[in-house]
Amino acid sequence: MDCPLLPSAERVNRFPAHNYCSFAWFIHNEPMLISPASDSWAGKVVPRAVFGGPRPTPIVQLHSGPMQGFAMLLYPQALQALTGLEISAHVERFSPMSEVFDAEWQALSAQVLSADDDMARVAVIEAFLEPRWQAVRAKGATSSTAMGDWVRALAAHAAASPWGHSARHVERRIKSWAGQPLRRLRRLDRVEQSFFEARDRHEAGDLSWADIAAWGGYADQAHLCRDIREITGHSPTELARGLDEDEGFWAYRIWR
């Protein structure tokens, strides 16, 4: 028996701005991209296998019905080291994987789509990435850690690069690797850490946005609220309500 179709408001998925590169495979039912309007796919159904660069603004997608998908996230520097891709050319845009990557990566994409289940998809991706990642690490081309450590390591690596030590050269190198300037990466990292702290306190029933602002080193609560709205598209109050009541905020519940 077919399940009744949920109202449009309950078929919306919301995602925060982020510094990652995303690979998304839709096994069943590709979504329509609602926002940001600047993306060429806004108002259209995205490809079944789609690549996205870092996102300075939040994303909203709408599914026409039940869906099944699978995603992989990589730090921009890691993907740049693996592929040589110019990350800055893909900031805030989706592209079909077939238009971005070579035959080996396209073969990986096809295997992910045709795999029997998610565990098989994980195995396919691990078998593909492991030897390539080991080769990259052997060359000392990249470093990997959690978000804050990655940003700090990125800045240190850029400062030590053959490009020289001027601020402009370092900034240019970082943007080439990560797609966004260092000040933006640091800002996103601070918002992200503040969000994690706020979510933990919200779940414990002890959330004060003024305390979170002080904890995160913001000038005041208004400063924190502006950054949260820019990264998520919602005020802190709306975000807290969504975490409690709206399934479209599922990504925020598992974000870590």
C-alpha atoms as a PDB file:
ATOM      1  CA  MET A   1       0.000   0.000   0.000  1.00  0.00           C
ATOM      2  CA  ASP A   2       1.377   3.422  -0.937  1.00  0.00           C
ATOM      3  CA  CYS A   3       2.197   5.825   1.889  1.00  0.00           C
ATOM      4  CA  PRO A   4       0.335   9.148   1.845  1.00  0.00           C
ATOM      5  CA  LEU A   5       2.427  12.033   0.475  1.00  0.00           C
ATOM      6  CA  LEU A   6       3.617  14.426   3.161  1.00  0.00           C
ATOM      7  CA  PRO A   7       2.783  18.146   2.814  1.00  0.00           C
ATOM      8  CA  SER A   8       5.439  20.196   1.009  1.00  0.00           C
ATOM      9  CA  ALA A   9       6.602  21.795   4.269  1.00  0.00           C
ATOM     10  CA  GLU A  10       7.466  18.339   5.617  1.00  0.00           C
ATOM     11  CA  ARG A  11       9.383  17.307   2.489  1.00  0.00           C
ATOM     12  CA  VAL A  12      11.930  20.119   2.856  1.00  0.00           C
ATOM     13  CA  ASN A  13      15.511  19.381   3.914  1.00  0.00           C
ATOM     14  CA  ARG A  14      17.647  22.192   5.345  1.00  0.00           C
ATOM     15  CA  PHE A  15      21.452  22.265   5.453  1.00  0.00           C
ATOM     16  CA  PRO A  16      23.820  24.867   6.944  1.00  0.00           C
ATOM     17  CA  ALA A  17      26.592  26.709   5.162  1.00  0.00           C
ATOM     18  CA  HIS A  18      29.754  24.612   5.270  1.00  0.00           C
ATOM     19  CA  ASN A  19      33.395  24.393   4.206  1.00  0.00           C
ATOM     20  CA  TYR A  20      33.238  20.887   2.761  1.00  0.00           C
ATOM     21  CA  CYS A  21      33.008  19.463  -0.729  1.00  0.00           C
ATOM     22  CA  SER A  22      30.039  17.144  -1.142  1.00  0.00           C
ATOM     23  CA  PHE A  23      29.316  14.135  -3.322  1.00  0.00           C
ATOM     24  CA  ALA A  24      25.627  13.194  -3.311  1.00  0.00           C
ATOM     25  CA  TRP A  25      24.044  10.172  -4.955  1.00  0.00           C
ATOM     26  CA  PHE A  26      20.267   9.894  -5.083  1.00  0.00           C
ATOM     27  CA  ILE A  27      19.329   6.245  -5.300  1.00  0.00           C
ATOM     28  CA  HIS A  28      15.659   7.122  -5.478  1.00  0.00           C
ATOM     29  CA  ASN A  29      13.977  10.484  -6.063  1.00  0.00           C
ATOM     30  CA  GLU A  30      16.319  13.406  -6.736  1.00  0.00           C
ATOM     31  CA  PRO A  31      15.401  16.666  -4.945  1.00  0.00           C
ATOM     32  CA  MET A  32      14.642  20.118  -6.287  1.00  0.00           C
ATOM     33  CA  LEU A  33      17.011  22.826  -5.094  1.00  0.00           C
ATOM     34  CA  ILE A  34      14.996  25.665  -3.543  1.00  0.00           C
ATOM     35  CA  SER A  35      17.803  27.945  -2.391  1.00  0.00           C
ATOM     36  CA  PRO A  36      20.205  29.628  -2.744  1.00  0.00           C
ATOM     37  CA  ALA A  37      18.771  31.296  -5.825  1.00  0.00           C
ATOM     38  CA  SER A  38      22.302  31.977  -7.108  1.00  0.00           C
ATOM     39  CA  ASP A  39      22.867  28.294  -7.878  1.00  0.00           C
ATOM     40  CA  SER A  40      22.180  27.391 -11.512  1.00  0.00           C
ATOM     41  CA  TRP A  41      20.083  24.444 -10.275  1.00  0.00           C
ATOM     42  CA  ALA A  42      17.732  26.595  -8.182  1.00  0.00           C
ATOM     43  CA  GLY A  43      14.149  25.662  -9.046  1.00  0.00           C
ATOM     44  CA  LYS A  44      15.313  22.507 -10.847  1.00  0.00           C
ATOM     45  CA  VAL A  45      15.715  18.839  -9.972  1.00  0.00           C
ATOM     46  CA  VAL A  46      19.411  18.198  -9.361  1.00  0.00           C
ATOM     47  CA  PRO A  47      21.305  15.376 -11.112  1.00  0.00           C
ATOM     48  CA  ARG A  48      21.273  11.865  -9.700  1.00  0.00           C
ATOM     49  CA  ALA A  49      25.018  12.104  -9.023  1.00  0.00           C
ATOM     50  CA  VAL A  50      25.934  15.655  -8.049  1.00  0.00           C
ATOM     51  CA  PHE A  51      29.049  17.409  -6.765  1.00  0.00           C
ATOM     52  CA  GLY A  52      28.995  20.558  -4.664  1.00  0.00           C
ATOM     53  CA  GLY A  53      31.751  22.839  -3.456  1.00  0.00           C
ATOM     54  CA  PRO A  54      31.894  24.773  -0.176  1.00  0.00           C
ATOM     55  CA  ARG A  55      28.740  26.714   0.653  1.00  0.00           C
ATOM     56  CA  PRO A  56      28.885  30.239   2.154  1.00  0.00           C
ATOM     57  CA  THR A  57      25.071  30.200   2.497  1.00  0.00           C
ATOM     58  CA  PRO A  58      22.570  27.565   3.684  1.00  0.00           C
ATOM     59  CA  ILE A  59      20.788  25.157   1.339  1.00  0.00           C
ATOM     60  CA  VAL A  60      17.131  24.164   1.113  1.00  0.00           C
ATOM     61  CA  GLN A  61      15.948  21.178  -0.949  1.00  0.00           C
ATOM     62  CA  LEU A  62      12.476  19.783  -1.645  1.00  0.00           C
ATOM     63  CA  HIS A  63      11.686  16.136  -2.412  1.00  0.00           C
ATOM     64  CA  SER A  64       8.597  15.177  -4.395  1.00  0.00           C
ATOM     65  CA  GLY A  65       8.148  12.046  -2.280  1.00  0.00           C
ATOM     66  CA  PRO A  66      10.063   9.344  -0.364  1.00  0.00           C
ATOM     67  CA  MET A  67      13.754   9.359  -1.226  1.00  0.00           C
ATOM     68  CA  GLN A  68      16.955   7.426  -0.651  1.00  0.00           C
ATOM     69  CA  GLY A  69      20.336   9.061  -0.916  1.00  0.00           C
ATOM     70  CA  PHE A  70      23.981   8.641  -0.003  1.00  0.00           C
ATOM     71  CA  ALA A  71      26.590  11.356   0.519  1.00  0.00           C
ATOM     72  CA  MET A  72      30.325  11.749   1.029  1.00  0.00           C
ATOM     73  CA  LEU A  73      32.026  14.885   2.397  1.00  0.00           C
ATOM     74  CA  LEU A  74      35.686  15.772   1.924  1.00  0.00           C
ATOM     75  CA  TYR A  75      37.718  18.714   3.097  1.00  0.00           C
ATOM     76  CA  PRO A  76      38.515  20.930   0.070  1.00  0.00           C
ATOM     77  CA  GLN A  77      42.271  20.621   0.552  1.00  0.00           C
ATOM     78  CA  ALA A  78      41.992  16.837   0.580  1.00  0.00           C
ATOM     79  CA  LEU A  79      39.950  16.780  -2.634  1.00  0.00           C
ATOM     80  CA  GLN A  80      42.305  19.266  -4.285  1.00  0.00           C
ATOM     81  CA  ALA A  81      45.258  17.058  -3.375  1.00  0.00           C
ATOM     82  CA  LEU A  82      43.490  13.944  -4.693  1.00  0.00           C
ATOM     83  CA  THR A  83      42.285  15.429  -7.980  1.00  0.00           C
ATOM     84  CA  GLY A  84      43.949  18.779  -8.649  1.00  0.00           C
ATOM     85  CA  LEU A  85      40.471  20.310  -8.839  1.00  0.00           C
ATOM     86  CA  GLU A  86      40.285  24.119  -8.585  1.00  0.00           C
ATOM     87  CA  ILE A  87      37.939  24.298  -5.607  1.00  0.00           C
ATOM     88  CA  SER A  88      37.245  28.032  -5.889  1.00  0.00           C
ATOM     89  CA  ALA A  89      35.477  27.391  -9.217  1.00  0.00           C
ATOM     90  CA  HIS A  90      32.861  25.258  -7.418  1.00  0.00           C
ATOM     91  CA  VAL A  91      32.007  27.411  -4.410  1.00  0.00           C
ATOM     92  CA  GLU A  92      28.222  27.674  -3.928  1.00  0.00           C
ATOM     93  CA  ARG A  93      27.283  25.591  -6.937  1.00  0.00           C
ATOM     94  CA  PHE A  94      26.208  22.077  -7.825  1.00  0.00           C
ATOM     95  CA  SER A  95      27.475  20.281 -10.919  1.00  0.00           C
ATOM     96  CA  PRO A  96      26.866  16.819 -12.384  1.00  0.00           C
ATOM     97  CA  MET A  97      29.801  14.619 -11.373  1.00  0.00           C
ATOM     98  CA  SER A  98      30.192  13.610 -15.003  1.00  0.00           C
ATOM     99  CA  GLU A  99      31.119  17.220 -15.879  1.00  0.00           C
ATOM    100  CA  VAL A 100      33.716  17.645 -13.135  1.00  0.00           C
ATOM    101  CA  PHE A 101      35.676  14.411 -12.670  1.00  0.00           C
ATOM    102  CA  ASP A 102      37.690  12.060 -14.829  1.00  0.00           C
ATOM    103  CA  ALA A 103      36.785   8.530 -15.901  1.00  0.00           C
ATOM    104  CA  GLU A 104      38.062   6.888 -12.690  1.00  0.00           C
ATOM    105  CA  TRP A 105      35.870   9.058 -10.454  1.00  0.00           C
ATOM    106  CA  GLN A 106      32.915   8.629 -12.798  1.00  0.00           C
ATOM    107  CA  ALA A 107      33.355   4.851 -12.547  1.00  0.00           C
ATOM    108  CA  LEU A 108      33.309   5.187  -8.761  1.00  0.00           C
ATOM    109  CA  SER A 109      30.074   7.173  -9.016  1.00  0.00           C
ATOM    110  CA  ALA A 110      28.459   4.490 -11.146  1.00  0.00           C
ATOM    111  CA  GLN A 111      29.499   1.796  -8.654  1.00  0.00           C
ATOM    112  CA  VAL A 112      28.014   3.758  -5.755  1.00  0.00           C
ATOM    113  CA  LEU A 113      24.704   4.130  -7.578  1.00  0.00           C
ATOM    114  CA  SER A 114      24.537   0.434  -8.498  1.00  0.00           C
ATOM    115  CA  ALA A 115      25.675  -0.978  -5.115  1.00  0.00           C
ATOM    116  CA  ASP A 116      23.222  -3.218  -3.263  1.00  0.00           C
ATOM    117  CA  ASP A 117      23.136  -1.220  -0.014  1.00  0.00           C
ATOM    118  CA  ASP A 118      24.896   1.493   1.981  1.00  0.00           C
ATOM    119  CA  MET A 119      27.487  -0.853   3.469  1.00  0.00           C
ATOM    120  CA  ALA A 120      28.470  -1.879  -0.041  1.00  0.00           C
ATOM    121  CA  ARG A 121      28.695   1.790  -1.019  1.00  0.00           C
ATOM    122  CA  VAL A 122      31.021   2.485   1.892  1.00  0.00           C
ATOM    123  CA  ALA A 123      33.202  -0.455   0.868  1.00  0.00           C
ATOM    124  CA  VAL A 124      33.377   0.761  -2.743  1.00  0.00           C
ATOM    125  CA  ILE A 125      34.404   4.263  -1.656  1.00  0.00           C
ATOM    126  CA  GLU A 126      36.991   3.011   0.837  1.00  0.00           C
ATOM    127  CA  ALA A 127      38.562   0.714  -1.756  1.00  0.00           C
ATOM    128  CA  PHE A 128      38.766   3.640  -4.180  1.00  0.00           C
ATOM    129  CA  LEU A 129      40.049   6.326  -1.815  1.00  0.00           C
ATOM    130  CA  GLU A 130      42.464   4.352   0.383  1.00  0.00           C
ATOM    131  CA  PRO A 131      45.336   3.853  -2.101  1.00  0.00           C
ATOM    132  CA  ARG A 132      44.921   7.342  -3.550  1.00  0.00           C
ATOM    133  CA  TRP A 133      44.889   8.951  -0.113  1.00  0.00           C
ATOM    134  CA  GLN A 134      47.965   7.013   1.000  1.00  0.00           C
ATOM    135  CA  ALA A 135      49.802   8.200  -2.115  1.00  0.00           C
ATOM    136  CA  VAL A 136      48.850  11.806  -1.356  1.00  0.00           C
ATOM    137  CA  ARG A 137      49.882  11.546   2.296  1.00  0.00           C
ATOM    138  CA  ALA A 138      53.219  10.004   1.295  1.00  0.00           C
ATOM    139  CA  LYS A 139      53.956  13.200  -0.615  1.00  0.00           C
ATOM    140  CA  GLY A 140      53.036  15.330   2.410  1.00  0.00           C
ATOM    141  CA  ALA A 141      50.491  17.164   0.280  1.00  0.00           C
ATOM    142  CA  THR A 142      47.820  17.565   2.911  1.00  0.00           C
ATOM    143  CA  SER A 143      46.828  17.237   6.536  1.00  0.00           C
ATOM    144  CA  SER A 144      43.569  16.100   8.062  1.00  0.00           C
ATOM    145  CA  THR A 145      41.831  16.683  11.369  1.00  0.00           C
ATOM    146  CA  ALA A 146      38.658  18.178  12.763  1.00  0.00           C
ATOM    147  CA  MET A 147      37.441  21.486  11.408  1.00  0.00           C
ATOM    148  CA  GLY A 148      39.309  23.875  13.702  1.00  0.00           C
ATOM    149  CA  ASP A 149      42.560  21.910  13.440  1.00  0.00           C
ATOM    150  CA  TRP A 150      42.177  21.751   9.678  1.00  0.00           C
ATOM    151  CA  VAL A 151      41.806  25.528   9.394  1.00  0.00           C
ATOM    152  CA  ARG A 152      44.891  26.104  11.556  1.00  0.00           C
ATOM    153  CA  ALA A 153      46.905  23.499   9.673  1.00  0.00           C
ATOM    154  CA  LEU A 154      45.808  25.023   6.370  1.00  0.00           C
ATOM    155  CA  ALA A 155      47.026  28.470   7.407  1.00  0.00           C
ATOM    156  CA  ALA A 156      50.368  27.109   8.617  1.00  0.00           C
ATOM    157  CA  HIS A 157      50.865  25.041   5.469  1.00  0.00           C
ATOM    158  CA  ALA A 158      50.064  28.021   3.233  1.00  0.00           C
ATOM    159  CA  ALA A 159      52.480  30.269   5.140  1.00  0.00           C
ATOM    160  CA  ALA A 160      55.253  27.713   4.643  1.00  0.00           C
ATOM    161  CA  SER A 161      54.569  27.237   0.936  1.00  0.00           C
ATOM    162  CA  PRO A 162      56.971  28.296  -1.849  1.00  0.00           C
ATOM    163  CA  TRP A 163      54.554  31.120  -2.722  1.00  0.00           C
ATOM    164  CA  GLY A 164      56.211  33.273  -0.068  1.00  0.00           C
ATOM    165  CA  HIS A 165      55.145  34.656   3.263  1.00  0.00           C
ATOM    166  CA  SER A 166      53.213  37.816   2.381  1.00  0.00           C
ATOM    167  CA  ALA A 167      49.630  37.951   3.623  1.00  0.00           C
ATOM    168  CA  ARG A 168      48.317  38.233   0.084  1.00  0.00           C
ATOM    169  CA  HIS A 169      50.190  35.146  -1.113  1.00  0.00           C
ATOM    170  CA  VAL A 170      49.059  33.114   1.882  1.00  0.00           C
ATOM    171  CA  GLU A 171      45.444  34.180   1.345  1.00  0.00           C
ATOM    172  CA  ARG A 172      45.633  33.312  -2.351  1.00  0.00           C
ATOM    173  CA  ARG A 173      47.076  29.883  -1.593  1.00  0.00           C
ATOM    174  CA  ILE A 174      44.373  29.117   0.983  1.00  0.00           C
ATOM    175  CA  LYS A 175      41.600  30.166  -1.392  1.00  0.00           C
ATOM    176  CA  SER A 176      43.083  27.912  -4.081  1.00  0.00           C
ATOM    177  CA  TRP A 177      43.019  24.936  -1.711  1.00  0.00           C
ATOM    178  CA  ALA A 178      39.785  25.584   0.168  1.00  0.00           C
ATOM    179  CA  GLY A 179      37.715  27.753  -2.171  1.00  0.00           C
ATOM    180  CA  GLN A 180      37.196  30.437   0.486  1.00  0.00           C
ATOM    181  CA  PRO A 181      39.427  32.965   2.278  1.00  0.00           C
ATOM    182  CA  LEU A 182      40.935  32.131   5.662  1.00  0.00           C
ATOM    183  CA  ARG A 183      38.857  34.734   7.523  1.00  0.00           C
ATOM    184  CA  ARG A 184      35.696  33.052   6.228  1.00  0.00           C
ATOM    185  CA  LEU A 185      36.925  29.599   7.269  1.00  0.00           C
ATOM    186  CA  ARG A 186      37.710  30.844  10.761  1.00  0.00           C
ATOM    187  CA  ARG A 187      34.316  32.510  11.017  1.00  0.00           C
ATOM    188  CA  LEU A 188      32.502  29.352   9.984  1.00  0.00           C
ATOM    189  CA  ASP A 189      34.555  27.341  12.458  1.00  0.00           C
ATOM    190  CA  ARG A 190      33.555  29.653  15.326  1.00  0.00           C
ATOM    191  CA  VAL A 191      29.872  29.529  14.360  1.00  0.00           C
ATOM    192  CA  GLU A 192      30.054  25.740  14.069  1.00  0.00           C
ATOM    193  CA  GLN A 193      31.638  25.290  17.502  1.00  0.00           C
ATOM    194  CA  SER A 194      29.123  27.705  19.047  1.00  0.00           C
ATOM    195  CA  PHE A 195      26.264  25.782  17.439  1.00  0.00           C
ATOM    196  CA  PHE A 196      27.542  22.474  18.852  1.00  0.00           C
ATOM    197  CA  GLU A 197      27.749  24.013  22.328  1.00  0.00           C
ATOM    198  CA  ALA A 198      24.266  25.531  21.991  1.00  0.00           C
ATOM    199  CA  ARG A 199      22.776  22.242  20.792  1.00  0.00           C
ATOM    200  CA  ASP A 200      24.280  20.354  23.726  1.00  0.00           C
ATOM    201  CA  ARG A 201      22.937  22.906  26.194  1.00  0.00           C
ATOM    202  CA  HIS A 202      19.554  22.940  24.456  1.00  0.00           C
ATOM    203  CA  GLU A 203      19.308  19.161  24.818  1.00  0.00           C
ATOM    204  CA  ALA A 204      20.224  19.538  28.490  1.00  0.00           C
ATOM    205  CA  GLY A 205      17.533  22.212  28.953  1.00  0.00           C
ATOM    206  CA  ASP A 206      20.069  24.888  29.891  1.00  0.00           C
ATOM    207  CA  LEU A 207      20.427  27.099  26.804  1.00  0.00           C
ATOM    208  CA  SER A 208      21.212  30.810  27.074  1.00  0.00           C
ATOM    209  CA  TRP A 209      22.234  32.513  23.845  1.00  0.00           C
ATOM    210  CA  ALA A 210      23.957  35.273  25.816  1.00  0.00           C
ATOM    211  CA  ASP A 211      26.090  32.601  27.511  1.00  0.00           C
ATOM    212  CA  ILE A 212      26.834  30.961  24.151  1.00  0.00           C
ATOM    213  CA  ALA A 213      27.932  34.326  22.733  1.00  0.00           C
ATOM    214  CA  ALA A 214      30.331  34.797  25.631  1.00  0.00           C
ATOM    215  CA  TRP A 215      31.534  31.180  25.357  1.00  0.00           C
ATOM    216  CA  GLY A 216      32.249  31.630  21.629  1.00  0.00           C
ATOM    217  CA  GLY A 217      34.105  34.918  22.060  1.00  0.00           C
ATOM    218  CA  TYR A 218      31.515  37.096  20.319  1.00  0.00           C
ATOM    219  CA  ALA A 219      31.203  40.806  21.046  1.00  0.00           C
ATOM    220  CA  ASP A 220      27.614  40.302  22.155  1.00  0.00           C
ATOM    221  CA  GLN A 221      24.530  38.144  21.600  1.00  0.00           C
ATOM    222  CA  ALA A 222      23.473  40.178  18.539  1.00  0.00           C
ATOM    223  CA  HIS A 223      26.805  39.410  16.875  1.00  0.00           C
ATOM    224  CA  LEU A 224      26.281  35.688  17.433  1.00  0.00           C
ATOM    225  CA  CYS A 225      22.702  35.881  16.145  1.00  0.00           C
ATOM    226  CA  ARG A 226      23.810  37.586  12.922  1.00  0.00           C
ATOM    227  CA  ASP A 227      26.387  34.897  12.232  1.00  0.00           C
ATOM    228  CA  ILE A 228      23.943  32.072  13.006  1.00  0.00           C
ATOM    229  CA  ARG A 229      21.338  33.539  10.651  1.00  0.00           C
ATOM    230  CA  GLU A 230      23.927  33.889   7.886  1.00  0.00           C
ATOM    231  CA  ILE A 231      25.151  30.296   8.262  1.00  0.00           C
ATOM    232  CA  THR A 232      21.785  28.590   8.803  1.00  0.00           C
ATOM    233  CA  GLY A 233      19.223  30.999   7.350  1.00  0.00           C
ATOM    234  CA  HIS A 234      17.398  31.053  10.706  1.00  0.00           C
ATOM    235  CA  SER A 235      17.433  32.997  13.932  1.00  0.00           C
ATOM    236  CA  PRO A 236      18.606  31.110  17.042  1.00  0.00           C
ATOM    237  CA  THR A 237      14.995  30.844  18.221  1.00  0.00           C
ATOM    238  CA  GLU A 238      13.845  29.413  14.877  1.00  0.00           C
ATOM    239  CA  LEU A 239      16.778  27.014  14.856  1.00  0.00           C
ATOM    240  CA  ALA A 240      16.011  25.744  18.374  1.00  0.00           C
ATOM    241  CA  ARG A 241      12.346  25.262  17.444  1.00  0.00           C
ATOM    242  CA  GLY A 242      13.309  23.431  14.260  1.00  0.00           C
ATOM    243  CA  LEU A 243      15.569  21.057  16.170  1.00  0.00           C
ATOM    244  CA  ASP A 244      12.600  20.150  18.376  1.00  0.00           C
ATOM    245  CA  GLU A 245       9.748  20.065  15.886  1.00  0.00           C
ATOM    246  CA  ASP A 246      10.802  19.998  12.221  1.00  0.00           C
ATOM    247  CA  GLU A 247      12.186  16.895  10.492  1.00  0.00           C
ATOM    248  CA  GLY A 248      13.623  19.176   7.807  1.00  0.00           C
ATOM    249  CA  PHE A 249      16.324  20.098  10.347  1.00  0.00           C
ATOM    250  CA  TRP A 250      17.603  16.508  10.633  1.00  0.00           C
ATOM    251  CA  ALA A 251      21.029  17.525   9.265  1.00  0.00           C
ATOM    252  CA  TYR A 252      21.484  19.911  12.191  1.00  0.00           C
ATOM    253  CA  ARG A 253      20.757  17.102  14.650  1.00  0.00           C
ATOM    254  CA  ILE A 254      23.543  14.891  13.315  1.00  0.00           C
ATOM    255  CA  TRP A 255      25.959  17.703  12.413  1.00  0.00           C
ATOM    256  CA  ARG A 256      29.166  17.237  14.379  1.00  0.00           C
END
